[in-house]
Each structure stands twice: as structure tokens, then as C-alpha cells.
């Protein structure tokens, strides 16, 4: 039958899988530890988001004992941008809009190959920069899909005070609170 596992306070799916490994007394090999570390790191915004707990750090501490090079993973995921992507992202960021007395930052863009970059999660990069603006509580990226120009993909990110998962659920989406 189906299994429904809900961990509402877990930082990520990877943290839930980490707990399953522990409960089932399964040892982590390097490949599993690396995959879980990367999942936790990215879903917690490199441990900056409000979904990061002391348990998250305990789990990561154990995973790192298997030889995880945190600096290298971070560099490969977040710092491998080439100059053409940087220029395109800079142009997109220059179109940021502020609303609601500076609490919302948003950008609307057409699709484009930039979002299919295998070396960088461009959406996360843009959202992270918008969310870093002083006073911004919610960052929103609206992107027209190339595959169906009548559809728009919307990504929300929050500083934690506003539960953007509820907002996304209203429109049939989902994700994390922040």
C-alpha cells in the first residue's frame, strides 16, 4: 500500500530520509551522505532559512564525518556562474520591482535558456538576491513558460514571517514556508 510520511518541521526531504536511515540502522556511504548533504544545504538556503534547526546541524555534522567537502559543494552549486549568465541575471535583477512599502520584491520575465542552466539554479540565485534587499519579506519571480506561453510559473520565497507555502497552495502549488 501507500505510505504517507509527514514531517512538518523537517528542513527538507533529505532530512526526512536521513531520519529514515537512522531509524532503520542503515549506514551512510559517501554517495548517500553527499546527496543528503546537498539536499539539506540547498533546501535550507545554506542553513540560513528558518527551516534550519539544531537537528539539521546535527544531521549535517554526521554526514560531514564521511568526508563531505562543504566548501566544494557550495562552490559547485552556487558559485559556478559564467560571464554570459552573470550578464543575463544582472539584466533580470535590474528589473526588480518593490511593492507594499518595500515588503515585496518581484520580477516578471519571459522564459529563456538562462533558467535551464545546469551549473546554477538561476531562480534561486535571483530570489536570494531579491530577498536580501533591506525590508523585503517576500520575493516573487514570475516566469512565462516557453513550453506553454499561456502559463506562468511563480516562485515565492519568504524571510519566514509570511508562509508562502499557503500562498502557493492557494494556486495549486506547494513547497516550504519560506
Protein backbone atom coordinates (compact mmCIF):
# COMPACT_ATOMS: atom_id res chain seq x y z
CA UNK A 1 0.00 0.00 0.00
CA UNK A 2 0.83 3.65 0.00
CA UNK A 3 2.99 5.18 2.68
CA UNK A 4 2.35 8.73 3.81
CA UNK A 5 5.24 10.20 5.79
CA UNK A 6 4.75 13.75 7.02
CA UNK A 7 7.45 15.60 8.94
CA UNK A 8 6.14 19.19 9.12
CA UNK A 9 9.19 20.56 10.93
CA UNK A 10 11.89 18.87 8.85
CA UNK A 11 14.16 21.21 6.92
CA UNK A 12 13.92 19.14 3.79
CA UNK A 13 13.03 15.82 2.23
CA UNK A 14 16.70 14.93 2.66
CA UNK A 15 16.44 15.43 6.41
CA UNK A 16 13.44 13.06 6.46
CA UNK A 17 15.45 10.46 4.53
CA UNK A 18 18.35 10.97 6.96
CA UNK A 19 15.93 10.15 9.84
CA UNK A 20 14.76 7.02 7.99
CA UNK A 21 18.35 5.85 7.60
CA UNK A 22 18.87 6.34 11.34
CA UNK A 23 15.63 4.59 12.36
CA UNK A 24 16.36 1.63 10.12
CA UNK A 25 20.01 1.45 11.30
CA UNK A 26 21.29 1.79 7.75
CA UNK A 27 24.86 3.07 7.46
CA UNK A 28 25.54 6.03 5.20
CA UNK A 29 28.01 5.56 2.39
CA UNK A 30 29.71 8.57 0.82
CA UNK A 31 27.28 8.82 -2.12
CA UNK A 32 24.21 8.82 0.16
CA UNK A 33 25.84 11.29 2.55
CA UNK A 34 26.74 13.63 -0.32
CA UNK A 35 23.22 13.52 -1.79
CA UNK A 36 21.62 14.14 1.61
CA UNK A 37 24.05 16.93 2.46
CA UNK A 38 23.37 18.71 -0.85
CA UNK A 39 19.61 18.32 -0.40
CA UNK A 40 19.72 19.76 3.11
CA UNK A 41 22.13 22.55 2.13
CA UNK A 42 20.04 23.73 -0.81
CA UNK A 43 16.65 23.43 0.91
CA UNK A 44 17.87 25.43 3.90
CA UNK A 45 19.49 28.15 1.80
CA UNK A 46 22.89 27.05 3.06
CA UNK A 47 21.50 26.87 6.61
CA UNK A 48 20.15 30.45 6.55
CA UNK A 49 16.40 29.78 6.29
CA UNK A 50 14.04 29.45 9.24
CA UNK A 51 13.58 25.73 8.50
CA UNK A 52 17.14 25.12 9.80
CA UNK A 53 17.10 23.58 13.27
CA UNK A 54 19.67 22.25 15.71
CA UNK A 55 18.72 18.78 14.44
CA UNK A 56 19.57 19.90 10.91
CA UNK A 57 23.07 20.82 12.08
CA UNK A 58 23.43 17.53 13.97
CA UNK A 59 22.48 15.58 10.84
CA UNK A 60 24.88 17.57 8.66
CA UNK A 61 27.64 17.13 11.24
CA UNK A 62 27.29 13.36 11.00
CA UNK A 63 27.18 13.44 7.19
CA UNK A 64 30.34 15.56 7.07
CA UNK A 65 32.23 12.90 9.03
CA UNK A 66 32.07 10.78 5.87
CA UNK A 67 34.36 13.19 4.02
CA UNK A 68 31.91 15.75 2.68
CA UNK A 69 33.72 18.86 1.43
CA UNK A 70 31.12 21.54 2.25
CA UNK A 71 33.12 24.33 0.61
CA UNK A 72 33.46 22.42 -2.65
CA UNK A 73 29.76 21.51 -2.78
CA UNK A 74 28.78 25.11 -2.07
CA UNK A 75 31.16 26.39 -4.75
CA UNK A 76 29.94 23.90 -7.36
CA UNK A 77 26.28 24.69 -6.71
CA UNK A 78 26.29 28.44 -6.10
CA UNK A 79 29.48 29.93 -7.49
CA UNK A 80 29.97 28.35 -10.91
CA UNK A 81 28.42 31.14 -12.96
CA UNK A 82 29.94 32.10 -16.29
CA UNK A 83 30.09 35.70 -17.52
CA UNK A 84 27.20 35.37 -20.01
CA UNK A 85 24.86 34.05 -17.31
CA UNK A 86 26.03 36.80 -14.93
CA UNK A 87 25.16 39.47 -17.51
CA UNK A 88 21.71 37.97 -18.13
CA UNK A 89 21.00 37.61 -14.42
CA UNK A 90 22.18 41.21 -13.85
CA UNK A 91 19.75 42.42 -16.51
CA UNK A 92 16.91 40.48 -14.87
CA UNK A 93 17.78 41.81 -11.41
CA UNK A 94 17.85 45.37 -12.75
CA UNK A 95 14.10 44.97 -13.43
CA UNK A 96 13.20 44.31 -9.77
CA UNK A 97 10.02 45.96 -8.53
CA UNK A 98 9.17 46.82 -4.93
CA UNK A 99 5.63 46.88 -3.54
CA UNK A 100 3.75 47.11 -0.22
CA UNK A 101 6.08 49.66 1.39
CA UNK A 102 9.17 47.65 0.48
CA UNK A 103 7.95 44.31 1.88
CA UNK A 104 7.55 42.61 -1.53
CA UNK A 105 10.11 42.38 -4.30
CA UNK A 106 9.08 40.91 -7.64
CA UNK A 107 10.35 40.36 -11.14
CA UNK A 108 8.45 39.16 -14.22
CA UNK A 109 10.47 37.65 -17.06
CA UNK A 110 9.93 35.63 -20.20
CA UNK A 111 11.27 32.08 -20.10
CA UNK A 112 14.62 31.64 -21.68
CA UNK A 113 17.56 29.31 -21.75
CA UNK A 114 19.11 31.03 -18.75
CA UNK A 115 16.71 29.12 -16.47
CA UNK A 116 17.86 25.79 -17.92
CA UNK A 117 21.44 26.35 -16.77
CA UNK A 118 22.79 23.05 -15.39
CA UNK A 119 25.57 24.82 -13.49
CA UNK A 120 23.44 27.21 -11.42
CA UNK A 121 19.91 27.34 -10.06
CA UNK A 122 19.19 30.71 -11.64
CA UNK A 123 15.76 31.04 -9.99
CA UNK A 124 17.23 30.55 -6.53
CA UNK A 125 20.03 32.99 -7.30
CA UNK A 126 17.58 35.70 -8.38
CA UNK A 127 15.18 35.06 -5.49
CA UNK A 128 18.02 35.09 -2.99
CA UNK A 129 19.20 38.48 -4.20
CA UNK A 130 15.71 39.95 -4.09
CA UNK A 131 15.14 38.56 -0.60
CA UNK A 132 18.40 40.12 0.56
CA UNK A 133 17.03 43.61 -0.02
CA UNK A 134 16.52 45.52 3.23
CA UNK A 135 12.91 45.30 4.41
CA UNK A 136 11.81 42.69 1.87
CA UNK A 137 9.66 39.95 3.43
CA UNK A 138 8.66 38.13 0.22
CA UNK A 139 10.43 37.74 -3.13
CA UNK A 140 8.41 36.65 -6.16
CA UNK A 141 9.70 35.54 -9.56
CA UNK A 142 7.11 35.26 -12.34
CA UNK A 143 8.32 33.41 -15.43
CA UNK A 144 6.37 32.74 -18.64
CA UNK A 145 6.93 29.15 -19.71
CA UNK A 146 8.49 28.58 -23.13
CA UNK A 147 6.67 25.25 -23.46
CA UNK A 148 3.27 26.92 -22.94
CA UNK A 149 3.34 30.74 -23.18
CA UNK A 150 -0.16 30.90 -21.66
CA UNK A 151 1.25 29.60 -18.38
CA UNK A 152 3.35 31.44 -15.83
CA UNK A 153 5.49 29.74 -13.21
CA UNK A 154 5.62 31.64 -9.94
CA UNK A 155 8.34 31.11 -7.34
CA UNK A 156 7.91 32.60 -3.86
CA UNK A 157 10.50 32.98 -1.13
CA UNK A 158 9.96 34.49 2.30
CA UNK A 159 12.11 35.72 5.16
CA UNK A 160 9.99 33.45 7.39
CA UNK A 161 7.28 35.74 8.73
CA UNK A 162 4.95 35.05 5.81
CA UNK A 163 4.10 31.43 4.96
CA UNK A 164 4.47 31.41 1.17
CA UNK A 165 3.60 27.70 1.08
CA UNK A 166 -0.01 28.65 1.91
CA UNK A 167 0.04 31.24 -0.86
CA UNK A 168 1.44 28.70 -3.34
CA UNK A 169 -1.12 26.08 -2.21
CA UNK A 170 -3.94 28.52 -2.99
CA UNK A 171 -2.77 28.44 -6.61
CA UNK A 172 -2.24 24.67 -6.67
CA UNK A 173 1.48 24.71 -5.88
CA UNK A 174 3.49 23.92 -2.80
CA UNK A 175 6.84 23.98 -1.10
CA UNK A 176 8.37 25.34 2.08
CA UNK A 177 7.03 28.01 4.42
CA UNK A 178 9.91 30.30 3.48
